[in-house]
Protein backbone atom coordinates (compact mmCIF):
# COMPACT_ATOMS: atom_id res chain seq x y z
CA MET A 1 160.86 107.89 153.78
CA LYS A 2 159.26 111.23 154.40
CA PHE A 3 156.27 111.48 156.71
CA SER A 4 153.47 113.91 156.07
CA THR A 5 149.81 114.28 156.84
CA GLY A 6 149.19 112.22 153.69
CA ASN A 7 151.07 109.26 155.21
CA ILE A 8 149.40 109.34 158.64
CA CYS A 9 145.78 108.66 159.58
CA LYS A 10 144.48 109.34 163.07
CA GLY A 11 141.68 107.19 164.38
CA ARG A 12 140.20 104.94 167.04
CA VAL A 13 140.62 101.16 167.31
CA VAL A 14 137.27 99.46 166.70
CA GLU A 15 138.28 95.81 166.33
CA ILE A 16 141.31 93.58 166.88
CA GLU A 17 141.66 90.15 165.23
CA GLU A 18 144.69 88.20 166.45
CA ASP A 19 146.13 85.39 164.34
CA LEU A 20 149.11 83.14 164.90
CA ASN A 21 151.62 85.46 163.18
CA MET A 22 149.79 88.72 162.44
CA THR A 23 147.17 90.90 164.04
CA ARG A 24 144.58 92.94 162.16
CA VAL A 25 143.73 96.20 163.88
CA LYS A 26 140.68 97.93 162.40
CA VAL A 27 140.77 101.68 162.84
CA ASP A 28 137.90 104.14 162.34
CA ILE A 29 139.48 107.22 160.72
CA GLY A 30 136.21 109.13 160.54
CA GLY A 31 133.75 109.86 157.79
CA GLY A 32 132.57 106.25 157.82
CA GLU A 33 136.02 104.99 156.76
CA ILE A 34 137.56 101.94 158.46
CA ILE A 35 141.12 100.93 157.60
CA THR A 36 142.93 97.76 158.64
CA ALA A 37 146.49 97.84 159.94
CA LEU A 38 148.43 94.57 159.89
CA ILE A 39 150.99 94.27 162.68
CA THR A 40 153.33 91.48 163.78
CA GLY A 41 153.03 89.59 167.04
CA VAL A 42 156.09 91.48 168.35
CA ALA A 43 154.47 94.83 167.53
CA MET A 44 151.22 93.67 169.14
CA ARG A 45 153.04 92.90 172.39
CA GLU A 46 154.98 96.18 172.32
CA LEU A 47 152.10 98.46 171.32
CA ASP A 48 149.38 96.56 173.19
CA PRO A 49 146.47 98.28 171.39
CA LYS A 50 142.98 98.00 172.88
CA VAL A 51 139.55 98.65 171.38
CA GLY A 52 138.76 102.31 171.98
CA ASP A 53 142.40 103.47 171.93
CA GLU A 54 143.21 106.49 169.81
CA LEU A 55 146.22 106.04 167.56
CA GLU A 56 147.93 107.08 164.38
CA VAL A 57 148.39 104.65 161.50
CA LEU A 58 151.22 105.08 159.01
CA LYS A 59 150.11 104.35 155.45
CA ALA A 60 152.39 102.04 153.46
CA PRO A 61 154.29 103.86 150.68
CA GLY A 62 152.70 101.77 147.90
CA ALA A 63 149.15 102.04 149.23
CA GLY A 64 146.74 104.56 147.83
CA PRO A 65 145.73 107.47 150.03
CA PRO A 66 142.56 107.28 152.08
CA ARG A 67 139.88 109.01 150.07
CA ASN A 68 136.25 109.88 150.23
CA LEU A 69 134.43 107.47 147.93
CA HIS A 70 131.16 109.41 148.01
C-alpha cells in the first residue's frame, strides 16, 4: 500500500470509547470534521492515546476520502 497525504489525516483526540475488544478514538481533523478510528485492545495498550493528543490517522484503503460537505 502506498501512503500519501490523501491516506493520512492529522488531528487531535477528542474522545475515547473503550469496549471489550475494540476502542473508538474520535479525532478532530479540523474544519468541523470528526472521524472515528477503530483500534484493537493491543493497539490501545501500545499506542496509549489520550484526549488532547495530536496524532495521524491512516485512512482505510476502501474508505472514501475526508471531504468538505459544505
